[in-house]
Amino acid sequence: MNFTEKGIGFIGAGNMASALIKGIIASSLFNHDMIKASDSNPEKIRALSNSYKVEGILSNRELCNACNIIVLSIKPQVMAMVLEEIKGAINKNHLVISIAAGIRINAIETILGADVPVIRVMPNTPALVQMGVSAIAAGGAVNVDHLNIALDILKAVGNVFTVDEAMMDAVTAVSGSGPGFVFRLMECIVEAAQKQGFDQETAKNMVINTFLGAAMLAQKTATPLSELRKMVTSPGGTTEAGLKYMDENKIGDILEGMIEAAKKRSVELGKKE
């Protein structure tokens, strides 16, 4: 069966659904007339329809009957309720892709059926500008065709990694929550720059472009991160002084604890499913 022939449906019309729809239309993976979306908020459906000319559907079950690829782009707190609603409309001929944080594959399979192909995805918000990082894990009924379709959908909004589901809590902590951590670091450096006399806008632009340039340099060279750091660090220089202060204040321990705290919370959310 061609799993793309009936199109793709999004249950949940929030920011991540919008990012994915934008990406798959831009990549010509699906035409806009093959994309449908449902949401409990009619305003969100209307906004998606206006932006991307996709069909809005008020009923989740109707959407499942109309599409054979279903993306669950909903909050973890409402997942069980939505699954109970659609379970009679989902079968082994569907592909279900969940981007709900913390929801295990077996929790979805328990309600929809073990023969339903389920793929769990952890995306992140830079997908909104097609620069996302997504990790995917496959359920027991997923075959190579299912996996390739999911990879194509996620590649439309950035980079994709295939992982064992056991790694998903760590993925959530590193790349899922990662943009929030980076933004907080950027905020702090902007505030520090303002204390040195820069106005807010200049400080913000300096920091954003410094992070962007450093990331691009790391991406485009095969040089280890430690070596890139050393390239900027002259003995007795300003960078060395700043790095010494960071190390004396145990920046490594702080960041390790940050990742551990985020991972722990992801595990806790999974237990509440």
C-alpha atoms as a PDB file:
ATOM      1  CA  MET A   1       0.000   0.000   0.000  1.00  0.00           C
ATOM      2  CA  ASN A   2       1.190   3.509  -0.779  1.00  0.00           C
ATOM      3  CA  PHE A   3       1.010   5.210   2.604  1.00  0.00           C
ATOM      4  CA  THR A   4       1.008   8.667   1.088  1.00  0.00           C
ATOM      5  CA  GLU A   5      -1.931   8.150  -1.280  1.00  0.00           C
ATOM      6  CA  LYS A   6      -4.607   9.363   1.154  1.00  0.00           C
ATOM      7  CA  GLY A   7      -2.526  12.176   2.533  1.00  0.00           C
ATOM      8  CA  ILE A   8      -1.526  13.255   6.002  1.00  0.00           C
ATOM      9  CA  GLY A   9      -3.659  14.505   8.881  1.00  0.00           C
ATOM     10  CA  PHE A  10      -2.621  16.495  11.945  1.00  0.00           C
ATOM     11  CA  ILE A  11      -4.552  16.144  15.177  1.00  0.00           C
ATOM     12  CA  GLY A  12      -3.597  19.361  16.891  1.00  0.00           C
ATOM     13  CA  ALA A  13      -2.997  22.571  14.950  1.00  0.00           C
ATOM     14  CA  GLY A  14      -0.383  24.282  17.100  1.00  0.00           C
ATOM     15  CA  ASN A  15       3.096  25.614  16.354  1.00  0.00           C
ATOM     16  CA  MET A  16       4.756  22.269  15.659  1.00  0.00           C
ATOM     17  CA  ALA A  17       1.992  21.152  13.308  1.00  0.00           C
ATOM     18  CA  SER A  18       2.337  24.479  11.516  1.00  0.00           C
ATOM     19  CA  ALA A  19       6.110  24.000  11.216  1.00  0.00           C
ATOM     20  CA  LEU A  20       5.736  20.487   9.813  1.00  0.00           C
ATOM     21  CA  ILE A  21       3.051  21.533   7.341  1.00  0.00           C
ATOM     22  CA  LYS A  22       5.165  24.445   6.156  1.00  0.00           C
ATOM     23  CA  GLY A  23       8.158  22.140   5.698  1.00  0.00           C
ATOM     24  CA  ILE A  24       6.424  19.317   3.861  1.00  0.00           C
ATOM     25  CA  ILE A  25       4.719  21.733   1.461  1.00  0.00           C
ATOM     26  CA  ALA A  26       8.028  23.505   0.775  1.00  0.00           C
ATOM     27  CA  SER A  27       9.733  20.148   0.146  1.00  0.00           C
ATOM     28  CA  SER A  28       6.883  18.996  -2.156  1.00  0.00           C
ATOM     29  CA  LEU A  29       6.404  15.892  -0.037  1.00  0.00           C
ATOM     30  CA  PHE A  30       2.651  16.553  -0.013  1.00  0.00           C
ATOM     31  CA  ASN A  31       0.563  19.072  -1.865  1.00  0.00           C
ATOM     32  CA  HIS A  32      -1.566  21.311   0.339  1.00  0.00           C
ATOM     33  CA  ASP A  33      -4.720  19.518  -0.824  1.00  0.00           C
ATOM     34  CA  MET A  34      -3.388  16.260   0.684  1.00  0.00           C
ATOM     35  CA  ILE A  35      -2.993  17.785   4.147  1.00  0.00           C
ATOM     36  CA  LYS A  36      -5.750  18.014   6.735  1.00  0.00           C
ATOM     37  CA  ALA A  37      -5.850  19.232  10.316  1.00  0.00           C
ATOM     38  CA  SER A  38      -8.184  19.036  13.282  1.00  0.00           C
ATOM     39  CA  ASP A  39      -8.149  20.853  16.603  1.00  0.00           C
ATOM     40  CA  SER A  40     -10.481  21.537  19.496  1.00  0.00           C
ATOM     41  CA  ASN A  41      -9.898  25.238  18.812  1.00  0.00           C
ATOM     42  CA  PRO A  42     -11.598  26.292  15.533  1.00  0.00           C
ATOM     43  CA  GLU A  43      -9.455  29.447  15.418  1.00  0.00           C
ATOM     44  CA  LYS A  44      -6.291  27.367  15.126  1.00  0.00           C
ATOM     45  CA  ILE A  45      -7.787  25.349  12.276  1.00  0.00           C
ATOM     46  CA  ARG A  46      -8.822  28.542  10.530  1.00  0.00           C
ATOM     47  CA  ALA A  47      -5.332  30.010  10.915  1.00  0.00           C
ATOM     48  CA  LEU A  48      -3.686  26.899   9.436  1.00  0.00           C
ATOM     49  CA  SER A  49      -6.152  26.824   6.560  1.00  0.00           C
ATOM     50  CA  ASN A  50      -5.536  30.478   5.784  1.00  0.00           C
ATOM     51  CA  SER A  51      -1.762  30.136   5.949  1.00  0.00           C
ATOM     52  CA  TYR A  52      -1.260  26.913   4.011  1.00  0.00           C
ATOM     53  CA  LYS A  53      -4.554  26.247   2.198  1.00  0.00           C
ATOM     54  CA  VAL A  54      -5.013  22.925   4.012  1.00  0.00           C
ATOM     55  CA  GLU A  55      -8.403  21.463   4.861  1.00  0.00           C
ATOM     56  CA  GLY A  56      -9.609  21.954   8.407  1.00  0.00           C
ATOM     57  CA  ILE A  57     -11.726  19.191   9.967  1.00  0.00           C
ATOM     58  CA  LEU A  58     -13.547  19.510  13.287  1.00  0.00           C
ATOM     59  CA  SER A  59     -13.768  15.752  13.967  1.00  0.00           C
ATOM     60  CA  ASN A  60     -10.648  13.742  14.850  1.00  0.00           C
ATOM     61  CA  ARG A  61     -12.333  10.515  13.753  1.00  0.00           C
ATOM     62  CA  GLU A  62     -13.298  12.043  10.425  1.00  0.00           C
ATOM     63  CA  LEU A  63      -9.694  13.092   9.920  1.00  0.00           C
ATOM     64  CA  CYS A  64      -8.497   9.528  10.616  1.00  0.00           C
ATOM     65  CA  ASN A  65     -10.954   8.172   8.063  1.00  0.00           C
ATOM     66  CA  ALA A  66      -9.733  10.683   5.481  1.00  0.00           C
ATOM     67  CA  CYS A  67      -5.960  10.196   5.956  1.00  0.00           C
ATOM     68  CA  ASN A  68      -3.700   7.221   6.510  1.00  0.00           C
ATOM     69  CA  ILE A  69      -0.792   9.126   8.039  1.00  0.00           C
ATOM     70  CA  ILE A  70      -1.859  10.642  11.354  1.00  0.00           C
ATOM     71  CA  VAL A  71       0.374  13.042  13.271  1.00  0.00           C
ATOM     72  CA  LEU A  72      -0.539  13.404  16.934  1.00  0.00           C
ATOM     73  CA  SER A  73       0.663  16.964  17.567  1.00  0.00           C
ATOM     74  CA  ILE A  74      -1.142  17.369  20.890  1.00  0.00           C
ATOM     75  CA  LYS A  75      -0.267  17.927  24.539  1.00  0.00           C
ATOM     76  CA  PRO A  76       0.639  14.805  26.555  1.00  0.00           C
ATOM     77  CA  GLN A  77      -2.153  15.621  29.007  1.00  0.00           C
ATOM     78  CA  VAL A  78      -4.878  15.018  26.391  1.00  0.00           C
ATOM     79  CA  MET A  79      -3.279  12.063  24.597  1.00  0.00           C
ATOM     80  CA  ALA A  80      -5.284   9.309  26.331  1.00  0.00           C
ATOM     81  CA  MET A  81      -8.574  11.092  25.659  1.00  0.00           C
ATOM     82  CA  VAL A  82      -7.751  11.607  21.971  1.00  0.00           C
ATOM     83  CA  LEU A  83      -6.593   8.004  21.522  1.00  0.00           C
ATOM     84  CA  GLU A  84      -9.820   6.699  23.048  1.00  0.00           C
ATOM     85  CA  GLU A  85     -11.751   8.924  20.662  1.00  0.00           C
ATOM     86  CA  ILE A  86      -9.991   7.756  17.474  1.00  0.00           C
ATOM     87  CA  LYS A  87      -9.238   4.111  18.275  1.00  0.00           C
ATOM     88  CA  GLY A  88     -12.153   2.779  16.247  1.00  0.00           C
ATOM     89  CA  ALA A  89     -11.057   4.803  13.228  1.00  0.00           C
ATOM     90  CA  ILE A  90      -7.385   3.695  13.295  1.00  0.00           C
ATOM     91  CA  ASN A  91      -6.124   0.356  11.978  1.00  0.00           C
ATOM     92  CA  LYS A  92      -2.983  -1.372  10.706  1.00  0.00           C
ATOM     93  CA  ASN A  93      -3.233   0.492   7.397  1.00  0.00           C
ATOM     94  CA  HIS A  94      -2.516   3.779   9.162  1.00  0.00           C
ATOM     95  CA  LEU A  95       0.817   5.191  10.229  1.00  0.00           C
ATOM     96  CA  VAL A  96       0.616   7.077  13.531  1.00  0.00           C
ATOM     97  CA  ILE A  97       3.356   9.596  14.328  1.00  0.00           C
ATOM     98  CA  SER A  98       3.327  11.055  17.842  1.00  0.00           C
ATOM     99  CA  ILE A  99       5.240  14.199  18.763  1.00  0.00           C
ATOM    100  CA  ALA A 100       3.827  14.365  22.301  1.00  0.00           C
ATOM    101  CA  ALA A 101       6.609  14.572  24.887  1.00  0.00           C
ATOM    102  CA  GLY A 102       6.917  11.690  27.319  1.00  0.00           C
ATOM    103  CA  ILE A 103       4.250   9.434  25.798  1.00  0.00           C
ATOM    104  CA  ARG A 104       5.624   5.931  25.259  1.00  0.00           C
ATOM    105  CA  ILE A 105       4.927   3.902  22.150  1.00  0.00           C
ATOM    106  CA  ASN A 106       3.376   1.056  24.116  1.00  0.00           C
ATOM    107  CA  ALA A 107       0.917   3.487  25.729  1.00  0.00           C
ATOM    108  CA  ILE A 108      -0.346   4.382  22.249  1.00  0.00           C
ATOM    109  CA  GLU A 109      -0.325   0.782  21.035  1.00  0.00           C
ATOM    110  CA  THR A 110      -2.256  -0.360  24.121  1.00  0.00           C
ATOM    111  CA  ILE A 111      -5.200   1.801  23.095  1.00  0.00           C
ATOM    112  CA  LEU A 112      -4.978   1.736  19.291  1.00  0.00           C
ATOM    113  CA  GLY A 113      -3.781  -1.862  18.916  1.00  0.00           C
ATOM    114  CA  ALA A 114      -0.405  -3.573  18.732  1.00  0.00           C
ATOM    115  CA  ASP A 115      -0.753  -4.010  14.957  1.00  0.00           C
ATOM    116  CA  VAL A 116      -0.916  -0.237  14.354  1.00  0.00           C
ATOM    117  CA  PRO A 117       2.414   1.200  13.170  1.00  0.00           C
ATOM    118  CA  VAL A 118       3.455   3.872  15.684  1.00  0.00           C
ATOM    119  CA  ILE A 119       6.475   6.155  15.494  1.00  0.00           C
ATOM    120  CA  ARG A 120       7.425   8.415  18.375  1.00  0.00           C
ATOM    121  CA  VAL A 121       9.165  11.694  17.584  1.00  0.00           C
ATOM    122  CA  MET A 122      10.873  14.301  19.752  1.00  0.00           C
ATOM    123  CA  PRO A 123      11.224  17.476  17.668  1.00  0.00           C
ATOM    124  CA  ASN A 124      12.327  20.904  18.832  1.00  0.00           C
ATOM    125  CA  THR A 125      11.185  24.449  18.189  1.00  0.00           C
ATOM    126  CA  PRO A 126      13.813  25.458  15.588  1.00  0.00           C
ATOM    127  CA  ALA A 127      11.692  23.305  13.284  1.00  0.00           C
ATOM    128  CA  LEU A 128       9.661  26.517  13.011  1.00  0.00           C
ATOM    129  CA  VAL A 129      12.466  27.844  10.785  1.00  0.00           C
ATOM    130  CA  GLN A 130      13.324  24.463   9.214  1.00  0.00           C
ATOM    131  CA  MET A 131      16.392  24.123  11.457  1.00  0.00           C
ATOM    132  CA  GLY A 132      15.015  21.577  13.884  1.00  0.00           C
ATOM    133  CA  VAL A 133      16.554  18.502  15.456  1.00  0.00           C
ATOM    134  CA  SER A 134      14.217  15.508  15.699  1.00  0.00           C
ATOM    135  CA  ALA A 135      14.764  12.016  17.052  1.00  0.00           C
ATOM    136  CA  ILE A 136      12.489   9.150  16.076  1.00  0.00           C
ATOM    137  CA  ALA A 137      11.849   5.718  17.559  1.00  0.00           C
ATOM    138  CA  ALA A 138       9.796   2.975  15.926  1.00  0.00           C
ATOM    139  CA  GLY A 139       7.166   0.659  17.373  1.00  0.00           C
ATOM    140  CA  GLY A 140       6.931  -3.064  16.701  1.00  0.00           C
ATOM    141  CA  ALA A 141       4.571  -2.814  13.715  1.00  0.00           C
ATOM    142  CA  VAL A 142       6.710  -0.256  11.866  1.00  0.00           C
ATOM    143  CA  ASN A 143       8.406  -1.371   8.656  1.00  0.00           C
ATOM    144  CA  VAL A 144      11.069   0.247   6.465  1.00  0.00           C
ATOM    145  CA  ASP A 145       8.482   2.091   4.364  1.00  0.00           C
ATOM    146  CA  HIS A 146       6.866   3.600   7.465  1.00  0.00           C
ATOM    147  CA  LEU A 147      10.247   4.670   8.804  1.00  0.00           C
ATOM    148  CA  ASN A 148      11.297   6.263   5.518  1.00  0.00           C
ATOM    149  CA  ILE A 149       8.074   8.265   5.319  1.00  0.00           C
ATOM    150  CA  ALA A 150       8.573   9.566   8.855  1.00  0.00           C
ATOM    151  CA  LEU A 151      12.190  10.442   8.070  1.00  0.00           C
ATOM    152  CA  ASP A 152      11.122  12.371   4.971  1.00  0.00           C
ATOM    153  CA  ILE A 153       8.496  14.310   6.942  1.00  0.00           C
ATOM    154  CA  LEU A 154      10.946  15.283   9.679  1.00  0.00           C
ATOM    155  CA  LYS A 155      13.786  16.062   7.262  1.00  0.00           C
ATOM    156  CA  ALA A 156      11.516  18.736   5.827  1.00  0.00           C
ATOM    157  CA  VAL A 157      12.053  20.726   9.042  1.00  0.00           C
ATOM    158  CA  GLY A 158      15.676  19.939   9.865  1.00  0.00           C
ATOM    159  CA  ASN A 159      17.935  17.102  10.967  1.00  0.00           C
ATOM    160  CA  VAL A 160      16.656  13.686  12.054  1.00  0.00           C
ATOM    161  CA  PHE A 161      18.223  10.941  14.168  1.00  0.00           C
ATOM    162  CA  THR A 162      16.901   7.403  14.672  1.00  0.00           C
ATOM    163  CA  VAL A 163      17.252   6.163  18.262  1.00  0.00           C
ATOM    164  CA  ASP A 164      16.044   3.390  20.534  1.00  0.00           C
ATOM    165  CA  GLU A 165      13.025   4.534  22.506  1.00  0.00           C
ATOM    166  CA  ALA A 166      14.981   4.029  25.731  1.00  0.00           C
ATOM    167  CA  MET A 167      17.025   7.089  24.728  1.00  0.00           C
ATOM    168  CA  MET A 168      14.014   9.372  24.255  1.00  0.00           C
ATOM    169  CA  ASP A 169      14.126  10.892  27.739  1.00  0.00           C
ATOM    170  CA  ALA A 170      17.756  11.850  27.144  1.00  0.00           C
ATOM    171  CA  VAL A 171      16.858  13.196  23.698  1.00  0.00           C
ATOM    172  CA  THR A 172      14.138  15.314  25.290  1.00  0.00           C
ATOM    173  CA  ALA A 173      16.663  16.775  27.729  1.00  0.00           C
ATOM    174  CA  VAL A 174      19.390  17.489  25.148  1.00  0.00           C
ATOM    175  CA  SER A 175      17.689  18.549  21.917  1.00  0.00           C
ATOM    176  CA  GLY A 176      14.030  18.856  22.902  1.00  0.00           C
ATOM    177  CA  SER A 177      14.633  21.222  25.820  1.00  0.00           C
ATOM    178  CA  GLY A 178      17.977  22.370  24.424  1.00  0.00           C
ATOM    179  CA  PRO A 179      16.728  25.506  22.626  1.00  0.00           C
ATOM    180  CA  GLY A 180      15.282  26.761  25.906  1.00  0.00           C
ATOM    181  CA  PHE A 181      18.649  26.289  27.606  1.00  0.00           C
ATOM    182  CA  VAL A 182      20.458  28.066  24.770  1.00  0.00           C
ATOM    183  CA  PHE A 183      18.000  30.962  24.875  1.00  0.00           C
ATOM    184  CA  ARG A 184      18.543  31.313  28.631  1.00  0.00           C
ATOM    185  CA  LEU A 185      22.314  31.445  28.138  1.00  0.00           C
ATOM    186  CA  MET A 186      21.826  34.056  25.429  1.00  0.00           C
ATOM    187  CA  GLU A 187      19.586  36.099  27.736  1.00  0.00           C
ATOM    188  CA  CYS A 188      22.260  36.071  30.430  1.00  0.00           C
ATOM    189  CA  ILE A 189      25.016  37.188  28.056  1.00  0.00           C
ATOM    190  CA  VAL A 190      22.791  39.945  26.654  1.00  0.00           C
ATOM    191  CA  GLU A 191      22.131  41.176  30.191  1.00  0.00           C
ATOM    192  CA  ALA A 192      25.858  41.051  30.984  1.00  0.00           C
ATOM    193  CA  ALA A 193      26.630  42.977  27.782  1.00  0.00           C
ATOM    194  CA  GLN A 194      24.109  45.671  28.723  1.00  0.00           C
ATOM    195  CA  LYS A 195      25.899  46.096  32.049  1.00  0.00           C
ATOM    196  CA  GLN A 196      29.027  46.831  30.010  1.00  0.00           C
ATOM    197  CA  GLY A 197      27.253  49.732  28.325  1.00  0.00           C
ATOM    198  CA  PHE A 198      25.634  48.238  25.219  1.00  0.00           C
ATOM    199  CA  ASP A 199      22.022  49.051  24.447  1.00  0.00           C
ATOM    200  CA  GLN A 200      19.632  46.070  24.473  1.00  0.00           C
ATOM    201  CA  GLU A 201      19.230  45.775  20.707  1.00  0.00           C
ATOM    202  CA  THR A 202      22.956  45.937  19.982  1.00  0.00           C
ATOM    203  CA  ALA A 203      23.697  43.435  22.742  1.00  0.00           C
ATOM    204  CA  LYS A 204      21.013  41.074  21.456  1.00  0.00           C
ATOM    205  CA  ASN A 205      22.290  41.200  17.872  1.00  0.00           C
ATOM    206  CA  MET A 206      25.891  40.665  18.973  1.00  0.00           C
ATOM    207  CA  VAL A 207      24.947  37.635  21.058  1.00  0.00           C
ATOM    208  CA  ILE A 208      22.628  36.047  18.481  1.00  0.00           C
ATOM    209  CA  ASN A 209      25.198  36.365  15.722  1.00  0.00           C
ATOM    210  CA  THR A 210      28.021  35.140  17.955  1.00  0.00           C
ATOM    211  CA  PHE A 211      26.037  31.985  18.785  1.00  0.00           C
ATOM    212  CA  LEU A 212      25.037  31.574  15.141  1.00  0.00           C
ATOM    213  CA  GLY A 213      28.593  32.045  13.859  1.00  0.00           C
ATOM    214  CA  ALA A 214      30.073  29.676  16.434  1.00  0.00           C
ATOM    215  CA  ALA A 215      27.471  27.013  15.627  1.00  0.00           C
ATOM    216  CA  MET A 216      28.084  27.357  11.888  1.00  0.00           C
ATOM    217  CA  LEU A 217      31.852  27.105  12.403  1.00  0.00           C
ATOM    218  CA  ALA A 218      31.399  23.943  14.464  1.00  0.00           C
ATOM    219  CA  GLN A 219      29.039  22.474  11.861  1.00  0.00           C
ATOM    220  CA  LYS A 220      31.146  23.243   8.796  1.00  0.00           C
ATOM    221  CA  THR A 221      34.479  21.985  10.101  1.00  0.00           C
ATOM    222  CA  ALA A 222      35.585  18.582  11.327  1.00  0.00           C
ATOM    223  CA  THR A 223      37.483  20.252  14.149  1.00  0.00           C
ATOM    224  CA  PRO A 224      36.597  18.975  17.652  1.00  0.00           C
ATOM    225  CA  LEU A 225      34.774  21.482  19.843  1.00  0.00           C
ATOM    226  CA  SER A 226      37.662  21.494  22.305  1.00  0.00           C
ATOM    227  CA  GLU A 227      40.054  22.504  19.532  1.00  0.00           C
ATOM    228  CA  LEU A 228      37.733  25.265  18.340  1.00  0.00           C
ATOM    229  CA  ARG A 229      37.696  26.572  21.899  1.00  0.00           C
ATOM    230  CA  LYS A 230      41.497  26.487  22.050  1.00  0.00           C
ATOM    231  CA  MET A 231      41.686  28.433  18.767  1.00  0.00           C
ATOM    232  CA  VAL A 232      40.029  31.385  20.537  1.00  0.00           C
ATOM    233  CA  THR A 233      41.990  30.988  23.771  1.00  0.00           C
ATOM    234  CA  SER A 234      45.348  32.732  23.820  1.00  0.00           C
ATOM    235  CA  PRO A 235      47.542  32.065  26.882  1.00  0.00           C
ATOM    236  CA  GLY A 236      47.004  34.850  29.363  1.00  0.00           C
ATOM    237  CA  GLY A 237      44.269  36.379  27.199  1.00  0.00           C
ATOM    238  CA  THR A 238      40.699  37.514  27.714  1.00  0.00           C
ATOM    239  CA  THR A 239      39.023  34.252  26.647  1.00  0.00           C
ATOM    240  CA  GLU A 240      41.235  32.282  29.014  1.00  0.00           C
ATOM    241  CA  ALA A 241      40.229  34.600  31.859  1.00  0.00           C
ATOM    242  CA  GLY A 242      36.540  34.121  31.128  1.00  0.00           C
ATOM    243  CA  LEU A 243      36.850  30.356  30.744  1.00  0.00           C
ATOM    244  CA  LYS A 244      38.791  30.134  34.020  1.00  0.00           C
ATOM    245  CA  TYR A 245      35.938  31.904  35.782  1.00  0.00           C
ATOM    246  CA  MET A 246      33.429  29.463  34.240  1.00  0.00           C
ATOM    247  CA  ASP A 247      35.453  26.441  35.334  1.00  0.00           C
ATOM    248  CA  GLU A 248      36.033  27.795  38.839  1.00  0.00           C
ATOM    249  CA  ASN A 249      32.271  28.126  39.161  1.00  0.00           C
ATOM    250  CA  LYS A 250      31.758  24.560  37.899  1.00  0.00           C
ATOM    251  CA  ILE A 251      29.928  25.367  34.672  1.00  0.00           C
ATOM    252  CA  GLY A 252      30.269  21.712  33.623  1.00  0.00           C
ATOM    253  CA  ASP A 253      28.485  20.502  36.763  1.00  0.00           C
ATOM    254  CA  ILE A 254      25.734  23.099  36.319  1.00  0.00           C
ATOM    255  CA  LEU A 255      25.038  22.064  32.726  1.00  0.00           C
ATOM    256  CA  GLU A 256      25.202  18.354  33.551  1.00  0.00           C
ATOM    257  CA  GLY A 257      22.695  18.914  36.349  1.00  0.00           C
ATOM    258  CA  MET A 258      20.473  20.863  33.960  1.00  0.00           C
ATOM    259  CA  ILE A 259      20.352  17.924  31.530  1.00  0.00           C
ATOM    260  CA  GLU A 260      19.745  15.432  34.358  1.00  0.00           C
ATOM    261  CA  ALA A 261      16.869  17.536  35.737  1.00  0.00           C
ATOM    262  CA  ALA A 262      15.206  17.747  32.318  1.00  0.00           C
ATOM    263  CA  LYS A 263      15.630  14.011  31.738  1.00  0.00           C
ATOM    264  CA  LYS A 264      14.193  13.208  35.163  1.00  0.00           C
ATOM    265  CA  ARG A 265      11.130  15.327  34.410  1.00  0.00           C
ATOM    266  CA  SER A 266      10.649  13.561  31.069  1.00  0.00           C
ATOM    267  CA  VAL A 267      10.670  10.212  32.887  1.00  0.00           C
ATOM    268  CA  GLU A 268       8.104  11.550  35.375  1.00  0.00           C
ATOM    269  CA  LEU A 269       5.816  12.750  32.574  1.00  0.00           C
ATOM    270  CA  GLY A 270       6.004   9.322  30.958  1.00  0.00           C
ATOM    271  CA  LYS A 271       4.847   7.667  34.173  1.00  0.00           C
ATOM    272  CA  LYS A 272       1.748   9.894  34.243  1.00  0.00           C
ATOM    273  CA  GLU A 273       0.520   8.776  30.800  1.00  0.00           C
END
